[in-house]
C-alpha atoms as a PDB file:
ATOM      1  CA  UNK A   1      12.002   8.058   0.461  1.00  0.00           C
ATOM      2  CA  UNK A   2       8.678   6.148   0.361  1.00  0.00           C
ATOM      3  CA  UNK A   3       5.505   8.079   1.133  1.00  0.00           C
ATOM      4  CA  UNK A   4       2.466   7.346   3.276  1.00  0.00           C
ATOM      5  CA  UNK A   5      -0.752   9.304   2.677  1.00  0.00           C
ATOM      6  CA  UNK A   6      -3.232   9.377   5.564  1.00  0.00           C
ATOM      7  CA  UNK A   7      -6.758  10.354   4.558  1.00  0.00           C
ATOM      8  CA  UNK A   8      -8.653  11.488   7.632  1.00  0.00           C
ATOM      9  CA  UNK A   9      -5.527  12.380   9.610  1.00  0.00           C
ATOM     10  CA  UNK A  10      -6.126  13.468  13.192  1.00  0.00           C
ATOM     11  CA  UNK A  11      -4.354  13.722  16.556  1.00  0.00           C
ATOM     12  CA  UNK A  12      -5.277  10.192  17.630  1.00  0.00           C
ATOM     13  CA  UNK A  13      -4.807   7.114  15.486  1.00  0.00           C
ATOM     14  CA  UNK A  14      -3.740   9.073  12.396  1.00  0.00           C
ATOM     15  CA  UNK A  15      -0.876  10.724  14.242  1.00  0.00           C
ATOM     16  CA  UNK A  16       0.202   7.397  15.729  1.00  0.00           C
ATOM     17  CA  UNK A  17       0.233   5.756  12.288  1.00  0.00           C
ATOM     18  CA  UNK A  18       2.231   8.692  10.934  1.00  0.00           C
ATOM     19  CA  UNK A  19       4.811   8.281  13.703  1.00  0.00           C
ATOM     20  CA  UNK A  20       5.179   4.537  13.135  1.00  0.00           C
ATOM     21  CA  UNK A  21       5.655   4.837   9.388  1.00  0.00           C
ATOM     22  CA  UNK A  22       7.661   8.054   9.670  1.00  0.00           C
ATOM     23  CA  UNK A  23       9.947   6.387  12.186  1.00  0.00           C
ATOM     24  CA  UNK A  24      10.600   3.709   9.577  1.00  0.00           C
ATOM     25  CA  UNK A  25      11.747   6.134   6.899  1.00  0.00           C
ATOM     26  CA  UNK A  26       8.477   7.256   5.311  1.00  0.00           C
ATOM     27  CA  UNK A  27       7.491  10.787   4.394  1.00  0.00           C
ATOM     28  CA  UNK A  28       3.923  11.485   5.479  1.00  0.00           C
ATOM     29  CA  UNK A  29       1.165  13.353   3.641  1.00  0.00           C
ATOM     30  CA  UNK A  30      -1.685  14.325   5.958  1.00  0.00           C
ATOM     31  CA  UNK A  31      -5.164  14.914   4.532  1.00  0.00           C
ATOM     32  CA  UNK A  32      -8.274  16.139   6.348  1.00  0.00           C
ATOM     33  CA  UNK A  33     -10.554  19.187   6.407  1.00  0.00           C
ATOM     34  CA  UNK A  34      -9.006  21.349   9.130  1.00  0.00           C
ATOM     35  CA  UNK A  35      -5.815  23.066   7.939  1.00  0.00           C
ATOM     36  CA  UNK A  36      -4.913  24.450  11.362  1.00  0.00           C
ATOM     37  CA  UNK A  37      -5.070  21.008  12.974  1.00  0.00           C
ATOM     38  CA  UNK A  38      -3.070  19.533  10.111  1.00  0.00           C
ATOM     39  CA  UNK A  39      -0.404  22.197  10.513  1.00  0.00           C
ATOM     40  CA  UNK A  40      -0.125  21.294  14.186  1.00  0.00           C
ATOM     41  CA  UNK A  41       0.355  17.635  13.331  1.00  0.00           C
ATOM     42  CA  UNK A  42       3.009  18.530  10.755  1.00  0.00           C
ATOM     43  CA  UNK A  43       4.881  20.560  13.367  1.00  0.00           C
ATOM     44  CA  UNK A  44       4.782  17.668  15.826  1.00  0.00           C
ATOM     45  CA  UNK A  45       6.019  15.171  13.259  1.00  0.00           C
ATOM     46  CA  UNK A  46       8.723  17.519  12.002  1.00  0.00           C
ATOM     47  CA  UNK A  47       9.950  18.003  15.556  1.00  0.00           C
ATOM     48  CA  UNK A  48      10.352  14.220  15.720  1.00  0.00           C
ATOM     49  CA  UNK A  49      12.491  14.220  12.581  1.00  0.00           C
ATOM     50  CA  UNK A  50       9.719  12.992  10.260  1.00  0.00           C
ATOM     51  CA  UNK A  51       9.172  14.608   6.862  1.00  0.00           C
ATOM     52  CA  UNK A  52       5.510  15.625   6.672  1.00  0.00           C
ATOM     53  CA  UNK A  53       3.191  18.031   4.873  1.00  0.00           C
ATOM     54  CA  UNK A  54      -0.498  18.949   5.044  1.00  0.00           C
ATOM     55  CA  UNK A  55      -2.982  18.795   2.188  1.00  0.00           C
ATOM     56  CA  UNK A  56      -6.400  20.042   3.374  1.00  0.00           C
ATOM     57  CA  UNK A  57      -9.452  18.451   1.766  1.00  0.00           C
ATOM     58  CA  UNK A  58     -12.952  17.321   2.698  1.00  0.00           C
ATOM     59  CA  UNK A  59     -12.982  13.556   2.168  1.00  0.00           C
ATOM     60  CA  UNK A  60     -16.631  13.766   1.133  1.00  0.00           C
ATOM     61  CA  UNK A  61     -15.674  16.135  -1.689  1.00  0.00           C
ATOM     62  CA  UNK A  62     -14.316  13.909  -4.434  1.00  0.00           C
ATOM     63  CA  UNK A  63     -12.718  16.753  -6.373  1.00  0.00           C
ATOM     64  CA  UNK A  64     -10.924  18.146  -3.320  1.00  0.00           C
ATOM     65  CA  UNK A  65      -9.740  14.730  -2.181  1.00  0.00           C
ATOM     66  CA  UNK A  66      -8.351  13.726  -5.565  1.00  0.00           C
ATOM     67  CA  UNK A  67      -6.596  17.088  -5.889  1.00  0.00           C
ATOM     68  CA  UNK A  68      -5.040  16.748  -2.428  1.00  0.00           C
ATOM     69  CA  UNK A  69      -3.608  13.326  -3.240  1.00  0.00           C
ATOM     70  CA  UNK A  70      -2.315  14.575  -6.572  1.00  0.00           C
ATOM     71  CA  UNK A  71      -0.623  17.451  -4.756  1.00  0.00           C
ATOM     72  CA  UNK A  72       0.900  15.037  -2.244  1.00  0.00           C
ATOM     73  CA  UNK A  73       2.274  12.872  -5.056  1.00  0.00           C
ATOM     74  CA  UNK A  74       3.649  15.995  -6.708  1.00  0.00           C
ATOM     75  CA  UNK A  75       5.373  16.987  -3.483  1.00  0.00           C
ATOM     76  CA  UNK A  76       6.802  13.620  -2.470  1.00  0.00           C
ATOM     77  CA  UNK A  77       6.587  11.445  -5.574  1.00  0.00           C
ATOM     78  CA  UNK A  78       4.430   8.337  -5.861  1.00  0.00           C
ATOM     79  CA  UNK A  79       2.222   7.445  -2.884  1.00  0.00           C
ATOM     80  CA  UNK A  80       3.503   4.072  -1.718  1.00  0.00           C
ATOM     81  CA  UNK A  81       0.988   3.491   1.080  1.00  0.00           C
ATOM     82  CA  UNK A  82      -2.551   4.851   1.369  1.00  0.00           C
ATOM     83  CA  UNK A  83      -4.249   4.722   4.767  1.00  0.00           C
ATOM     84  CA  UNK A  84      -7.944   5.689   4.731  1.00  0.00           C
ATOM     85  CA  UNK A  85      -9.642   6.401   8.059  1.00  0.00           C
ATOM     86  CA  UNK A  86     -11.853   9.513   8.032  1.00  0.00           C
ATOM     87  CA  UNK A  87     -14.055  10.017  11.087  1.00  0.00           C
ATOM     88  CA  UNK A  88     -17.637  10.423   9.897  1.00  0.00           C
ATOM     89  CA  UNK A  89     -18.908  11.203  13.388  1.00  0.00           C
ATOM     90  CA  UNK A  90     -20.994   9.076  15.745  1.00  0.00           C
ATOM     91  CA  UNK A  91     -24.327   9.031  13.933  1.00  0.00           C
ATOM     92  CA  UNK A  92     -27.057   7.267  15.876  1.00  0.00           C
ATOM     93  CA  UNK A  93     -29.621   5.598  13.626  1.00  0.00           C
ATOM     94  CA  UNK A  94     -31.599   2.386  13.990  1.00  0.00           C
ATOM     95  CA  UNK A  95     -31.943   0.067  10.987  1.00  0.00           C
ATOM     96  CA  UNK A  96     -35.614   0.912  10.544  1.00  0.00           C
ATOM     97  CA  UNK A  97     -34.787   4.628  10.553  1.00  0.00           C
ATOM     98  CA  UNK A  98     -32.374   4.475   7.602  1.00  0.00           C
ATOM     99  CA  UNK A  99     -33.356   6.666   4.678  1.00  0.00           C
ATOM    100  CA  UNK A 100     -31.592   7.611   1.489  1.00  0.00           C
ATOM    101  CA  UNK A 101     -31.112  11.088   2.943  1.00  0.00           C
ATOM    102  CA  UNK A 102     -29.469  10.095   6.254  1.00  0.00           C
ATOM    103  CA  UNK A 103     -27.410   7.343   4.621  1.00  0.00           C
ATOM    104  CA  UNK A 104     -25.948   9.527   1.874  1.00  0.00           C
ATOM    105  CA  UNK A 105     -23.413  11.471   4.042  1.00  0.00           C
ATOM    106  CA  UNK A 106     -21.889   8.222   5.327  1.00  0.00           C
ATOM    107  CA  UNK A 107     -21.717   6.763   1.833  1.00  0.00           C
ATOM    108  CA  UNK A 108     -20.147   9.960   0.479  1.00  0.00           C
ATOM    109  CA  UNK A 109     -17.434  10.197   3.127  1.00  0.00           C
ATOM    110  CA  UNK A 110     -16.625   6.568   3.820  1.00  0.00           C
ATOM    111  CA  UNK A 111     -17.339   4.585   0.673  1.00  0.00           C
ATOM    112  CA  UNK A 112     -17.115   7.172  -2.096  1.00  0.00           C
ATOM    113  CA  UNK A 113     -14.167   8.769  -0.305  1.00  0.00           C
ATOM    114  CA  UNK A 114     -12.300   5.468  -0.222  1.00  0.00           C
ATOM    115  CA  UNK A 115     -12.966   4.818  -3.901  1.00  0.00           C
ATOM    116  CA  UNK A 116     -11.838   8.342  -4.823  1.00  0.00           C
ATOM    117  CA  UNK A 117      -8.652   8.116  -2.765  1.00  0.00           C
ATOM    118  CA  UNK A 118      -7.783   4.694  -4.123  1.00  0.00           C
ATOM    119  CA  UNK A 119      -8.314   5.668  -7.749  1.00  0.00           C
ATOM    120  CA  UNK A 120      -6.058   8.689  -7.182  1.00  0.00           C
ATOM    121  CA  UNK A 121      -3.095   6.523  -6.140  1.00  0.00           C
ATOM    122  CA  UNK A 122      -3.697   3.106  -7.694  1.00  0.00           C
ATOM    123  CA  UNK A 123      -2.558   3.788 -11.295  1.00  0.00           C
ATOM    124  CA  UNK A 124       0.946   4.735 -10.133  1.00  0.00           C
ATOM    125  CA  UNK A 125       1.045   1.718  -7.816  1.00  0.00           C
ATOM    126  CA  UNK A 126       0.080  -0.591 -10.666  1.00  0.00           C
ATOM    127  CA  UNK A 127       2.699   0.962 -12.909  1.00  0.00           C
ATOM    128  CA  UNK A 128       5.348   0.394 -10.236  1.00  0.00           C
ATOM    129  CA  UNK A 129       4.053  -3.069  -9.372  1.00  0.00           C
ATOM    130  CA  UNK A 130       4.027  -2.220  -5.660  1.00  0.00           C
ATOM    131  CA  UNK A 131       1.825  -0.486  -3.115  1.00  0.00           C
ATOM    132  CA  UNK A 132      -0.265  -0.861   0.025  1.00  0.00           C
ATOM    133  CA  UNK A 133      -3.905   0.099   0.594  1.00  0.00           C
ATOM    134  CA  UNK A 134      -4.939   0.195   4.262  1.00  0.00           C
ATOM    135  CA  UNK A 135      -8.658   0.770   4.868  1.00  0.00           C
ATOM    136  CA  UNK A 136     -10.093   1.383   8.337  1.00  0.00           C
ATOM    137  CA  UNK A 137     -13.615   0.450   9.384  1.00  0.00           C
ATOM    138  CA  UNK A 138     -15.365  -0.306  12.641  1.00  0.00           C
ATOM    139  CA  UNK A 139     -16.355  -3.650  14.043  1.00  0.00           C
ATOM    140  CA  UNK A 140     -19.885  -2.960  12.846  1.00  0.00           C
ATOM    141  CA  UNK A 141     -18.706  -3.534   9.283  1.00  0.00           C
ATOM    142  CA  UNK A 142     -18.495  -7.233  10.230  1.00  0.00           C
ATOM    143  CA  UNK A 143     -21.118  -7.595  12.979  1.00  0.00           C
ATOM    144  CA  UNK A 144     -23.442  -4.576  12.801  1.00  0.00           C
ATOM    145  CA  UNK A 145     -24.475  -2.507  15.798  1.00  0.00           C
ATOM    146  CA  UNK A 146     -28.193  -1.618  15.604  1.00  0.00           C
ATOM    147  CA  UNK A 147     -27.671   1.967  16.782  1.00  0.00           C
ATOM    148  CA  UNK A 148     -25.067   2.689  14.051  1.00  0.00           C
ATOM    149  CA  UNK A 149     -27.045   1.468  11.058  1.00  0.00           C
ATOM    150  CA  UNK A 150     -25.984   4.076   8.488  1.00  0.00           C
ATOM    151  CA  UNK A 151     -22.319   3.842   9.426  1.00  0.00           C
ATOM    152  CA  UNK A 152     -22.528   0.030   9.356  1.00  0.00           C
ATOM    153  CA  UNK A 153     -23.882   0.089   5.793  1.00  0.00           C
ATOM    154  CA  UNK A 154     -21.160   2.391   4.459  1.00  0.00           C
ATOM    155  CA  UNK A 155     -18.340   0.596   6.266  1.00  0.00           C
ATOM    156  CA  UNK A 156     -19.621  -2.849   5.266  1.00  0.00           C
ATOM    157  CA  UNK A 157     -19.558  -1.727   1.650  1.00  0.00           C
ATOM    158  CA  UNK A 158     -16.001  -0.461   2.088  1.00  0.00           C
ATOM    159  CA  UNK A 159     -14.953  -3.713   3.760  1.00  0.00           C
ATOM    160  CA  UNK A 160     -16.440  -5.765   0.921  1.00  0.00           C
ATOM    161  CA  UNK A 161     -14.596  -3.682  -1.657  1.00  0.00           C
ATOM    162  CA  UNK A 162     -11.309  -3.846   0.286  1.00  0.00           C
ATOM    163  CA  UNK A 163     -11.476  -7.641   0.340  1.00  0.00           C
ATOM    164  CA  UNK A 164     -12.263  -7.661  -3.378  1.00  0.00           C
ATOM    165  CA  UNK A 165      -9.252  -5.449  -4.036  1.00  0.00           C
ATOM    166  CA  UNK A 166      -7.072  -7.793  -2.015  1.00  0.00           C
ATOM    167  CA  UNK A 167      -8.234 -10.764  -4.048  1.00  0.00           C
ATOM    168  CA  UNK A 168      -7.625  -9.105  -7.415  1.00  0.00           C
ATOM    169  CA  UNK A 169      -4.522  -6.983  -6.833  1.00  0.00           C
ATOM    170  CA  UNK A 170      -2.229  -9.266  -4.832  1.00  0.00           C
ATOM    171  CA  UNK A 171      -0.695 -10.822  -7.944  1.00  0.00           C
ATOM    172  CA  UNK A 172       0.040  -7.309  -9.243  1.00  0.00           C
ATOM    173  CA  UNK A 173       2.153  -6.370  -6.225  1.00  0.00           C
ATOM    174  CA  UNK A 174      -0.588  -4.365  -4.464  1.00  0.00           C
ATOM    175  CA  UNK A 175      -1.539  -5.332  -0.913  1.00  0.00           C
ATOM    176  CA  UNK A 176      -5.030  -4.270   0.218  1.00  0.00           C
ATOM    177  CA  UNK A 177      -6.460  -4.942   3.661  1.00  0.00           C
ATOM    178  CA  UNK A 178      -9.272  -3.889   5.964  1.00  0.00           C
ATOM    179  CA  UNK A 179      -8.643  -3.000   9.607  1.00  0.00           C
ATOM    180  CA  UNK A 180     -11.880  -3.304  11.579  1.00  0.00           C
ATOM    181  CA  UNK A 181     -11.505  -1.560  14.930  1.00  0.00           C
ATOM    182  CA  UNK A 182     -13.962  -2.964  17.464  1.00  0.00           C
ATOM    183  CA  UNK A 183     -12.748  -1.014  20.493  1.00  0.00           C
ATOM    184  CA  UNK A 184     -12.700   2.545  21.788  1.00  0.00           C
ATOM    185  CA  UNK A 185      -9.503   4.193  20.590  1.00  0.00           C
ATOM    186  CA  UNK A 186      -7.682   5.684  23.574  1.00  0.00           C
ATOM    187  CA  UNK A 187      -5.219   4.943  26.329  1.00  0.00           C
ATOM    188  CA  UNK A 188      -8.153   5.041  28.767  1.00  0.00           C
ATOM    189  CA  UNK A 189     -11.912   4.660  28.424  1.00  0.00           C
ATOM    190  CA  UNK A 190     -15.026   4.749  30.594  1.00  0.00           C
ATOM    191  CA  UNK A 191     -15.319   1.771  32.912  1.00  0.00           C
ATOM    192  CA  UNK A 192     -16.413  -1.355  31.128  1.00  0.00           C
ATOM    193  CA  UNK A 193     -15.650  -0.049  27.624  1.00  0.00           C
ATOM    194  CA  UNK A 194     -13.047  -2.126  25.721  1.00  0.00           C
ATOM    195  CA  UNK A 195     -10.248   0.102  24.466  1.00  0.00           C
ATOM    196  CA  UNK A 196      -6.800   0.114  22.910  1.00  0.00           C
ATOM    197  CA  UNK A 197      -4.176   2.843  22.784  1.00  0.00           C
ATOM    198  CA  UNK A 198      -3.687   4.442  19.343  1.00  0.00           C
ATOM    199  CA  UNK A 199       0.048   3.711  19.430  1.00  0.00           C
ATOM    200  CA  UNK A 200      -0.700   0.009  19.889  1.00  0.00           C
ATOM    201  CA  UNK A 201      -3.238  -0.043  17.058  1.00  0.00           C
ATOM    202  CA  UNK A 202      -0.841   1.861  14.786  1.00  0.00           C
ATOM    203  CA  UNK A 203       1.709  -0.929  15.056  1.00  0.00           C
ATOM    204  CA  UNK A 204      -0.883  -3.285  13.544  1.00  0.00           C
ATOM    205  CA  UNK A 205      -0.900  -1.157  10.376  1.00  0.00           C
ATOM    206  CA  UNK A 206       2.873  -1.373  10.091  1.00  0.00           C
ATOM    207  CA  UNK A 207       2.794  -5.147  10.604  1.00  0.00           C
ATOM    208  CA  UNK A 208       0.112  -5.526   7.947  1.00  0.00           C
ATOM    209  CA  UNK A 209       2.154  -3.423   5.513  1.00  0.00           C
ATOM    210  CA  UNK A 210       5.340  -5.382   6.103  1.00  0.00           C
ATOM    211  CA  UNK A 211       3.894  -8.909   6.503  1.00  0.00           C
ATOM    212  CA  UNK A 212       1.346  -8.518   3.663  1.00  0.00           C
ATOM    213  CA  UNK A 213      -0.373 -11.752   4.679  1.00  0.00           C
ATOM    214  CA  UNK A 214      -3.906 -10.845   5.856  1.00  0.00           C
ATOM    215  CA  UNK A 215      -6.810  -9.333   3.914  1.00  0.00           C
ATOM    216  CA  UNK A 216      -8.382  -8.281   7.191  1.00  0.00           C
ATOM    217  CA  UNK A 217      -7.502  -7.655  10.818  1.00  0.00           C
ATOM    218  CA  UNK A 218     -10.028  -7.239  13.634  1.00  0.00           C
ATOM    219  CA  UNK A 219      -8.803  -5.073  16.512  1.00  0.00           C
ATOM    220  CA  UNK A 220     -10.260  -6.172  19.856  1.00  0.00           C
ATOM    221  CA  UNK A 221      -9.306  -5.527  23.458  1.00  0.00           C
END
């Protein structure tokens, strides 16, 4: 049974991605900080007939994150698909207000977290000559929003790296892609706010994994 690892798993998009992949025969390893919430997600997936397990870790803690992915590989075997989408919180900061200190948490969780997670699973993927790396950013990684300056910087760095991985790993059987979500994630949203249901967005991840033809996908309303 192939395995999907979701870093930053939660009850919204993460759960929807788990259901899509799990419904197509994948076991699912869920990674995030809150063990109780993870256990609830595991119960929901198990009730749907999906094999799942929780591996608590803070994605900003490189040691914890690497250990969680190693534990997931030990439980299920090689990680075939990595999906990275931790929520770093809505941090309001204008470009002129960026400092090393207020930028560091975003870099640690989003960029360093992605590098850590990838390096934990990539050697086995390269050995097998197959694997998928799905990175999630916001629309500001492409066209920055002035009020989200620190998040934009970290996600733009992640996007750049994801595209570089795509360009250098494709001939080795590894598919890497960036999913830039430029809408509010939810079945409903405040009036005038573009949105998309998590179940609909999750199907994009499955299509990217199976089609393996796009280094990037921008999700819009």
